[in-house]
Amino acid sequence: MALQISDKIPETLGTDQNGEPIKAEQFRGKKLALYFYPKDNTPGCTAQACSLRDGYNDLRKAGYEIVGVSVDSEKSHQKFIDKFSLPFPLIADTGKRLVEAFGVWQEKSMMGKKFMGTVRTTFLVDENGIIRDKIEGRGVDTKNHAVQILEKMKTGRD
């Protein structure tokens, strides 16, 4: 069963673009925007990452850390981070453990063709590692995602 609002996130999240472990305990006492996206270097995913990059200081001032997750490799993430000067880590979930745990690995369809892929979703996690809210699917404004997170925080469930 996929993680839901009010569930605690897993202690081990995965490994980042440098092969370093990312654990929930690293974010204790801070809010976390854990965002799942389909693929590095695609238009929507690039717009979303750049929005988070551009709003990074405001998100940090609001107490948020940012971590991205896709099923791309560490090498792909390294290139994506370098190309767009992303200041936050990206988890390489090549084994699909995290996307499945969070329920974002789903059947999708494009031009009549069905396939499995990541549904764009951002989970907003509190200082104790509890999921408090989420922004998902077509509700994610890729070009203004940092502002969207900050607005959600003001009007969210907390």
N, C-alpha and C. Protein backbone atom coordinates (compact mmCIF):
# COMPACT_ATOMS: atom_id res chain seq x y z
N MET A 1 0.83 -1.19 0.00
CA MET A 1 0.00 0.00 0.00
C MET A 1 0.89 1.26 0.00
N ALA A 2 0.53 2.20 -0.83
CA ALA A 2 1.32 3.42 -0.98
C ALA A 2 1.21 4.32 0.25
N LEU A 3 2.26 5.04 0.52
CA LEU A 3 2.27 6.00 1.61
C LEU A 3 1.22 7.08 1.37
N GLN A 4 0.59 7.51 2.46
CA GLN A 4 -0.48 8.50 2.40
C GLN A 4 -0.15 9.67 3.31
N ILE A 5 -0.96 10.72 3.22
CA ILE A 5 -0.85 11.85 4.13
C ILE A 5 -1.03 11.31 5.56
N SER A 6 -0.20 11.75 6.45
CA SER A 6 -0.10 11.38 7.87
C SER A 6 0.78 10.15 8.11
N ASP A 7 1.31 9.55 7.04
CA ASP A 7 2.27 8.45 7.19
C ASP A 7 3.67 9.01 7.38
N LYS A 8 4.51 8.25 8.04
CA LYS A 8 5.92 8.60 8.22
C LYS A 8 6.69 8.13 6.97
N ILE A 9 7.62 8.94 6.51
CA ILE A 9 8.41 8.55 5.34
C ILE A 9 9.42 7.48 5.76
N PRO A 10 9.88 6.66 4.81
CA PRO A 10 10.88 5.63 5.15
C PRO A 10 12.18 6.27 5.64
N GLU A 11 12.87 5.57 6.51
CA GLU A 11 14.13 6.10 7.05
C GLU A 11 15.20 6.18 5.95
N THR A 12 15.28 5.14 5.12
CA THR A 12 16.23 5.16 4.02
C THR A 12 15.50 5.58 2.76
N LEU A 13 15.92 6.72 2.21
CA LEU A 13 15.27 7.23 1.01
C LEU A 13 15.95 6.73 -0.26
N GLY A 14 17.26 6.64 -0.24
CA GLY A 14 17.99 6.17 -1.42
C GLY A 14 19.38 6.78 -1.46
N THR A 15 19.95 6.79 -2.66
CA THR A 15 21.27 7.39 -2.84
C THR A 15 21.17 8.54 -3.84
N ASP A 16 21.98 9.55 -3.60
CA ASP A 16 21.94 10.73 -4.45
C ASP A 16 22.83 10.57 -5.69
N GLN A 17 23.00 11.66 -6.41
CA GLN A 17 23.76 11.68 -7.66
C GLN A 17 25.22 11.29 -7.46
N ASN A 18 25.71 11.34 -6.22
CA ASN A 18 27.11 10.98 -5.94
C ASN A 18 27.23 9.62 -5.26
N GLY A 19 26.11 8.89 -5.17
CA GLY A 19 26.12 7.59 -4.52
C GLY A 19 26.07 7.68 -3.00
N GLU A 20 25.83 8.89 -2.47
CA GLU A 20 25.75 9.10 -1.02
C GLU A 20 24.34 8.77 -0.53
N PRO A 21 24.23 8.11 0.63
CA PRO A 21 22.90 7.79 1.14
C PRO A 21 22.14 9.04 1.60
N ILE A 22 20.85 9.03 1.32
CA ILE A 22 19.95 10.08 1.80
C ILE A 22 18.99 9.41 2.77
N LYS A 23 18.99 9.90 4.01
CA LYS A 23 18.15 9.31 5.05
C LYS A 23 17.21 10.36 5.64
N ALA A 24 16.06 9.91 6.09
CA ALA A 24 15.07 10.82 6.67
C ALA A 24 15.64 11.59 7.85
N GLU A 25 16.50 10.96 8.63
CA GLU A 25 17.05 11.61 9.83
C GLU A 25 17.82 12.88 9.50
N GLN A 26 18.33 13.00 8.26
CA GLN A 26 19.05 14.21 7.84
C GLN A 26 18.15 15.43 7.85
N PHE A 27 16.83 15.21 7.79
CA PHE A 27 15.88 16.32 7.66
C PHE A 27 15.06 16.55 8.92
N ARG A 28 15.38 15.84 10.01
CA ARG A 28 14.66 16.05 11.27
C ARG A 28 14.82 17.51 11.69
N GLY A 29 13.71 18.12 12.08
CA GLY A 29 13.73 19.51 12.49
C GLY A 29 13.56 20.48 11.33
N LYS A 30 13.47 19.93 10.10
CA LYS A 30 13.27 20.76 8.91
C LYS A 30 12.09 20.18 8.13
N LYS A 31 11.46 21.03 7.36
CA LYS A 31 10.44 20.54 6.44
C LYS A 31 11.15 20.03 5.18
N LEU A 32 10.50 19.11 4.50
CA LEU A 32 11.08 18.53 3.29
C LEU A 32 10.06 18.53 2.17
N ALA A 33 10.46 19.07 1.03
CA ALA A 33 9.66 18.93 -0.19
C ALA A 33 10.36 17.82 -0.98
N LEU A 34 9.74 16.64 -0.97
CA LEU A 34 10.27 15.48 -1.68
C LEU A 34 9.51 15.38 -2.98
N TYR A 35 10.18 15.73 -4.09
CA TYR A 35 9.44 15.77 -5.35
C TYR A 35 9.90 14.67 -6.30
N PHE A 36 8.89 14.00 -6.85
CA PHE A 36 9.09 12.91 -7.80
C PHE A 36 8.77 13.44 -9.19
N TYR A 37 9.67 13.17 -10.12
CA TYR A 37 9.49 13.67 -11.49
C TYR A 37 9.86 12.57 -12.47
N PRO A 38 9.30 12.64 -13.69
CA PRO A 38 9.51 11.55 -14.65
C PRO A 38 10.92 11.36 -15.19
N LYS A 39 11.60 12.43 -15.64
CA LYS A 39 12.87 12.19 -16.34
C LYS A 39 13.72 13.45 -16.41
N ASP A 40 15.02 13.27 -16.16
CA ASP A 40 15.97 14.38 -16.30
C ASP A 40 15.94 14.92 -17.73
N ASN A 41 16.17 16.23 -17.84
CA ASN A 41 16.36 16.90 -19.14
C ASN A 41 15.17 16.84 -20.08
N THR A 42 13.97 16.71 -19.53
CA THR A 42 12.77 16.84 -20.36
C THR A 42 12.16 18.20 -20.05
N PRO A 43 11.36 18.77 -20.95
CA PRO A 43 10.90 20.15 -20.75
C PRO A 43 10.20 20.42 -19.41
N GLY A 44 9.21 19.62 -19.05
CA GLY A 44 8.48 19.85 -17.81
C GLY A 44 9.35 19.64 -16.58
N CYS A 45 10.18 18.61 -16.61
CA CYS A 45 11.04 18.30 -15.46
C CYS A 45 12.12 19.36 -15.30
N THR A 46 12.62 19.88 -16.40
CA THR A 46 13.61 20.95 -16.35
C THR A 46 12.98 22.22 -15.80
N ALA A 47 11.77 22.56 -16.26
CA ALA A 47 11.07 23.75 -15.76
C ALA A 47 10.84 23.63 -14.26
N GLN A 48 10.44 22.46 -13.81
CA GLN A 48 10.17 22.24 -12.38
C GLN A 48 11.46 22.38 -11.57
N ALA A 49 12.53 21.72 -12.00
CA ALA A 49 13.81 21.79 -11.28
C ALA A 49 14.34 23.22 -11.24
N CYS A 50 14.20 23.95 -12.34
CA CYS A 50 14.69 25.33 -12.38
C CYS A 50 13.84 26.25 -11.51
N SER A 51 12.54 26.00 -11.42
CA SER A 51 11.69 26.76 -10.51
C SER A 51 12.14 26.55 -9.07
N LEU A 52 12.42 25.29 -8.73
CA LEU A 52 12.88 24.99 -7.37
C LEU A 52 14.27 25.58 -7.11
N ARG A 53 15.10 25.57 -8.13
CA ARG A 53 16.43 26.21 -8.01
C ARG A 53 16.26 27.72 -7.77
N ASP A 54 15.43 28.35 -8.58
CA ASP A 54 15.26 29.80 -8.48
C ASP A 54 14.59 30.21 -7.17
N GLY A 55 13.74 29.36 -6.62
CA GLY A 55 13.07 29.66 -5.37
C GLY A 55 13.73 29.02 -4.16
N TYR A 56 14.91 28.44 -4.36
CA TYR A 56 15.57 27.66 -3.32
C TYR A 56 15.79 28.46 -2.03
N ASN A 57 16.28 29.70 -2.16
CA ASN A 57 16.54 30.50 -0.95
C ASN A 57 15.25 30.79 -0.19
N ASP A 58 14.17 31.11 -0.91
CA ASP A 58 12.89 31.36 -0.25
C ASP A 58 12.36 30.10 0.42
N LEU A 59 12.52 28.96 -0.23
CA LEU A 59 12.08 27.69 0.36
C LEU A 59 12.89 27.38 1.62
N ARG A 60 14.18 27.61 1.57
CA ARG A 60 15.04 27.36 2.75
C ARG A 60 14.66 28.31 3.89
N LYS A 61 14.39 29.59 3.56
CA LYS A 61 13.97 30.55 4.60
C LYS A 61 12.67 30.09 5.26
N ALA A 62 11.82 29.41 4.50
CA ALA A 62 10.55 28.89 5.03
C ALA A 62 10.75 27.56 5.76
N GLY A 63 12.00 27.11 5.84
CA GLY A 63 12.30 25.90 6.59
C GLY A 63 12.33 24.62 5.78
N TYR A 64 12.24 24.74 4.45
CA TYR A 64 12.21 23.55 3.59
C TYR A 64 13.57 23.17 3.05
N GLU A 65 13.80 21.88 3.00
CA GLU A 65 14.88 21.30 2.20
C GLU A 65 14.19 20.69 0.98
N ILE A 66 14.92 20.57 -0.11
CA ILE A 66 14.38 20.03 -1.36
C ILE A 66 15.18 18.79 -1.73
N VAL A 67 14.48 17.73 -2.11
CA VAL A 67 15.12 16.54 -2.65
C VAL A 67 14.26 16.06 -3.81
N GLY A 68 14.90 15.85 -4.96
CA GLY A 68 14.21 15.32 -6.12
C GLY A 68 14.43 13.83 -6.25
N VAL A 69 13.48 13.15 -6.88
CA VAL A 69 13.58 11.70 -7.08
C VAL A 69 13.10 11.36 -8.49
N SER A 70 13.91 10.60 -9.22
CA SER A 70 13.45 9.98 -10.45
C SER A 70 14.16 8.64 -10.59
N VAL A 71 13.75 7.88 -11.58
CA VAL A 71 14.36 6.55 -11.78
C VAL A 71 15.59 6.64 -12.67
N ASP A 72 16.04 7.86 -12.98
CA ASP A 72 17.26 8.04 -13.76
C ASP A 72 18.49 7.63 -12.93
N SER A 73 19.59 7.41 -13.61
CA SER A 73 20.84 6.98 -12.97
C SER A 73 21.55 8.14 -12.28
N GLU A 74 22.50 7.79 -11.43
CA GLU A 74 23.34 8.80 -10.77
C GLU A 74 24.04 9.67 -11.82
N LYS A 75 24.56 9.05 -12.86
CA LYS A 75 25.27 9.79 -13.91
C LYS A 75 24.35 10.79 -14.61
N SER A 76 23.12 10.36 -14.90
CA SER A 76 22.14 11.26 -15.51
C SER A 76 21.85 12.43 -14.58
N HIS A 77 21.68 12.14 -13.29
CA HIS A 77 21.42 13.20 -12.30
C HIS A 77 22.59 14.17 -12.22
N GLN A 78 23.82 13.66 -12.24
CA GLN A 78 25.00 14.53 -12.17
C GLN A 78 24.99 15.53 -13.32
N LYS A 79 24.70 15.03 -14.52
CA LYS A 79 24.67 15.90 -15.70
C LYS A 79 23.56 16.94 -15.59
N PHE A 80 22.39 16.51 -15.12
CA PHE A 80 21.23 17.39 -14.96
C PHE A 80 21.55 18.50 -13.95
N ILE A 81 22.13 18.14 -12.83
CA ILE A 81 22.51 19.10 -11.79
C ILE A 81 23.54 20.08 -12.33
N ASP A 82 24.55 19.58 -13.02
CA ASP A 82 25.61 20.44 -13.56
C ASP A 82 25.06 21.39 -14.63
N LYS A 83 24.23 20.87 -15.50
CA LYS A 83 23.70 21.66 -16.62
C LYS A 83 22.84 22.82 -16.12
N PHE A 84 22.06 22.59 -15.04
CA PHE A 84 21.13 23.61 -14.58
C PHE A 84 21.48 24.19 -13.21
N SER A 85 22.68 23.90 -12.71
CA SER A 85 23.16 24.43 -11.42
C SER A 85 22.15 24.21 -10.29
N LEU A 86 21.69 22.98 -10.16
CA LEU A 86 20.71 22.67 -9.12
C LEU A 86 21.42 22.57 -7.76
N PRO A 87 20.90 23.26 -6.74
CA PRO A 87 21.57 23.29 -5.43
C PRO A 87 21.08 22.21 -4.45
N PHE A 88 20.27 21.27 -4.92
CA PHE A 88 19.70 20.24 -4.05
C PHE A 88 19.99 18.86 -4.65
N PRO A 89 19.95 17.82 -3.79
CA PRO A 89 20.26 16.47 -4.28
C PRO A 89 19.11 15.84 -5.06
N LEU A 90 19.49 14.90 -5.91
CA LEU A 90 18.52 14.09 -6.65
C LEU A 90 18.78 12.62 -6.35
N ILE A 91 17.75 11.92 -5.93
CA ILE A 91 17.87 10.50 -5.64
C ILE A 91 17.71 9.70 -6.92
N ALA A 92 18.66 8.79 -7.14
CA ALA A 92 18.61 7.90 -8.30
C ALA A 92 17.89 6.62 -7.87
N ASP A 93 16.59 6.57 -8.12
CA ASP A 93 15.76 5.43 -7.70
C ASP A 93 15.64 4.40 -8.82
N THR A 94 16.80 3.93 -9.27
CA THR A 94 16.82 3.02 -10.43
C THR A 94 16.12 1.69 -10.14
N GLY A 95 16.06 1.29 -8.88
CA GLY A 95 15.36 0.06 -8.50
C GLY A 95 13.87 0.26 -8.27
N LYS A 96 13.42 1.51 -8.40
CA LYS A 96 12.01 1.89 -8.26
C LYS A 96 11.43 1.62 -6.87
N ARG A 97 12.26 1.48 -5.88
CA ARG A 97 11.79 1.21 -4.52
C ARG A 97 10.98 2.39 -3.96
N LEU A 98 11.51 3.60 -4.12
CA LEU A 98 10.85 4.78 -3.56
C LEU A 98 9.60 5.18 -4.34
N VAL A 99 9.68 5.15 -5.67
CA VAL A 99 8.50 5.53 -6.46
C VAL A 99 7.33 4.58 -6.18
N GLU A 100 7.65 3.32 -5.94
CA GLU A 100 6.60 2.34 -5.63
C GLU A 100 6.08 2.56 -4.21
N ALA A 101 6.96 2.81 -3.25
CA ALA A 101 6.55 3.03 -1.86
C ALA A 101 5.62 4.23 -1.74
N PHE A 102 5.89 5.27 -2.52
CA PHE A 102 5.08 6.48 -2.47
C PHE A 102 3.88 6.43 -3.44
N GLY A 103 3.78 5.35 -4.20
CA GLY A 103 2.62 5.17 -5.08
C GLY A 103 2.61 6.04 -6.32
N VAL A 104 3.77 6.52 -6.74
CA VAL A 104 3.82 7.40 -7.91
C VAL A 104 4.25 6.67 -9.19
N TRP A 105 4.60 5.38 -9.07
CA TRP A 105 4.93 4.56 -10.25
C TRP A 105 3.61 3.96 -10.73
N GLN A 106 3.08 4.52 -11.80
CA GLN A 106 1.74 4.16 -12.25
C GLN A 106 1.69 3.99 -13.76
N GLU A 107 0.60 3.38 -14.20
CA GLU A 107 0.39 3.27 -15.64
C GLU A 107 0.03 4.64 -16.17
N LYS A 108 0.69 5.00 -17.25
CA LYS A 108 0.46 6.28 -17.91
C LYS A 108 0.14 5.99 -19.37
N SER A 109 -0.27 7.02 -20.07
CA SER A 109 -0.55 6.83 -21.49
C SER A 109 -0.17 8.09 -22.25
N MET A 110 0.45 7.87 -23.40
CA MET A 110 0.82 8.99 -24.26
C MET A 110 0.54 8.58 -25.70
N MET A 111 -0.24 9.38 -26.37
CA MET A 111 -0.61 9.12 -27.76
C MET A 111 -1.14 7.69 -27.93
N GLY A 112 -1.98 7.28 -26.99
CA GLY A 112 -2.62 5.96 -27.07
C GLY A 112 -1.77 4.79 -26.60
N LYS A 113 -0.51 5.05 -26.30
CA LYS A 113 0.38 3.97 -25.85
C LYS A 113 0.45 3.97 -24.33
N LYS A 114 0.25 2.81 -23.72
CA LYS A 114 0.31 2.68 -22.27
C LYS A 114 1.70 2.22 -21.84
N PHE A 115 2.15 2.78 -20.71
CA PHE A 115 3.47 2.43 -20.18
C PHE A 115 3.49 2.77 -18.69
N MET A 116 4.46 2.22 -17.98
CA MET A 116 4.64 2.55 -16.57
C MET A 116 5.61 3.72 -16.45
N GLY A 117 5.29 4.64 -15.54
CA GLY A 117 6.16 5.79 -15.35
C GLY A 117 5.84 6.52 -14.06
N THR A 118 6.62 7.53 -13.77
CA THR A 118 6.45 8.32 -12.55
C THR A 118 5.43 9.41 -12.79
N VAL A 119 4.43 9.47 -11.91
CA VAL A 119 3.47 10.56 -11.92
C VAL A 119 4.08 11.69 -11.09
N ARG A 120 4.19 12.85 -11.70
CA ARG A 120 4.81 14.01 -11.04
C ARG A 120 4.04 14.32 -9.75
N THR A 121 4.75 14.24 -8.62
CA THR A 121 4.12 14.45 -7.31
C THR A 121 5.14 15.02 -6.34
N THR A 122 4.70 16.00 -5.55
CA THR A 122 5.54 16.55 -4.49
C THR A 122 4.88 16.28 -3.15
N PHE A 123 5.62 15.65 -2.26
CA PHE A 123 5.16 15.37 -0.90
C PHE A 123 5.77 16.40 0.03
N LEU A 124 4.94 17.03 0.84
CA LEU A 124 5.41 18.00 1.82
C LEU A 124 5.44 17.29 3.17
N VAL A 125 6.64 17.21 3.72
CA VAL A 125 6.90 16.41 4.92
C VAL A 125 7.28 17.36 6.06
N ASP A 126 6.72 17.10 7.26
CA ASP A 126 7.01 17.99 8.39
C ASP A 126 8.34 17.66 9.06
N GLU A 127 8.63 18.39 10.11
CA GLU A 127 9.91 18.28 10.81
C GLU A 127 10.14 16.92 11.47
N ASN A 128 9.07 16.14 11.61
CA ASN A 128 9.15 14.81 12.23
C ASN A 128 9.09 13.68 11.22
N GLY A 129 9.16 14.02 9.92
CA GLY A 129 9.15 12.98 8.89
C GLY A 129 7.76 12.48 8.53
N ILE A 130 6.71 13.25 8.86
CA ILE A 130 5.34 12.87 8.57
C ILE A 130 4.86 13.61 7.32
N ILE A 131 4.25 12.90 6.38
CA ILE A 131 3.70 13.51 5.16
C ILE A 131 2.49 14.34 5.58
N ARG A 132 2.52 15.63 5.28
CA ARG A 132 1.43 16.53 5.64
C ARG A 132 0.56 16.94 4.47
N ASP A 133 1.11 16.90 3.27
CA ASP A 133 0.34 17.33 2.10
C ASP A 133 1.03 16.83 0.85
N LYS A 134 0.34 16.94 -0.27
CA LYS A 134 0.98 16.60 -1.54
C LYS A 134 0.35 17.39 -2.67
N ILE A 135 1.14 17.58 -3.69
CA ILE A 135 0.70 18.23 -4.93
C ILE A 135 0.98 17.19 -6.00
N GLU A 136 -0.03 16.84 -6.80
CA GLU A 136 0.21 15.71 -7.70
C GLU A 136 -0.33 15.92 -9.11
N GLY A 137 0.24 15.14 -10.01
CA GLY A 137 -0.22 15.07 -11.39
C GLY A 137 -0.29 16.41 -12.07
N ARG A 138 -1.42 16.65 -12.71
CA ARG A 138 -1.60 17.91 -13.45
C ARG A 138 -1.73 19.12 -12.53
N GLY A 139 -1.87 18.87 -11.23
CA GLY A 139 -1.91 19.96 -10.25
C GLY A 139 -0.56 20.60 -10.00
N VAL A 140 0.52 19.96 -10.46
CA VAL A 140 1.87 20.51 -10.28
C VAL A 140 2.10 21.56 -11.36
N ASP A 141 2.39 22.78 -10.92
CA ASP A 141 2.71 23.87 -11.83
C ASP A 141 4.23 23.88 -11.99
N THR A 142 4.71 23.23 -13.05
CA THR A 142 6.16 23.04 -13.20
C THR A 142 6.93 24.36 -13.27
N LYS A 143 6.36 25.36 -13.92
CA LYS A 143 7.09 26.63 -14.10
C LYS A 143 7.11 27.47 -12.82
N ASN A 144 6.18 27.23 -11.91
CA ASN A 144 6.06 28.02 -10.68
C ASN A 144 6.00 27.14 -9.45
N HIS A 145 6.71 26.03 -9.47
CA HIS A 145 6.55 25.03 -8.41
C HIS A 145 7.04 25.53 -7.05
N ALA A 146 8.10 26.31 -7.00
CA ALA A 146 8.59 26.82 -5.71
C ALA A 146 7.53 27.69 -5.05
N VAL A 147 6.93 28.60 -5.81
CA VAL A 147 5.87 29.47 -5.30
C VAL A 147 4.67 28.61 -4.89
N GLN A 148 4.37 27.61 -5.67
CA GLN A 148 3.25 26.72 -5.37
C GLN A 148 3.45 26.02 -4.01
N ILE A 149 4.66 25.56 -3.74
CA ILE A 149 4.97 24.92 -2.45
C ILE A 149 4.80 25.93 -1.32
N LEU A 150 5.31 27.13 -1.50
CA LEU A 150 5.20 28.15 -0.45
C LEU A 150 3.74 28.52 -0.20
N GLU A 151 2.95 28.61 -1.24
CA GLU A 151 1.51 28.90 -1.09
C GLU A 151 0.80 27.74 -0.39
N LYS A 152 1.15 26.53 -0.77
CA LYS A 152 0.54 25.34 -0.16
C LYS A 152 0.85 25.30 1.33
N MET A 153 2.06 25.71 1.68
CA MET A 153 2.46 25.73 3.07
C MET A 153 1.56 26.70 3.85
N LYS A 154 1.22 27.84 3.27
CA LYS A 154 0.40 28.84 3.95
C LYS A 154 -1.04 28.36 4.12
N THR A 155 -1.53 27.62 3.13
CA THR A 155 -2.94 27.22 3.15
C THR A 155 -3.13 25.74 3.41
N GLY A 156 -2.02 25.02 3.64
CA GLY A 156 -2.06 23.55 3.78
C GLY A 156 -2.73 23.07 5.04
N ARG A 157 -2.55 21.79 5.26
CA ARG A 157 -3.21 21.09 6.36
C ARG A 157 -2.57 21.33 7.72
N ASP A 158 -1.35 21.87 7.75
CA ASP A 158 -0.63 22.01 9.03
C ASP A 158 -1.35 22.89 10.03
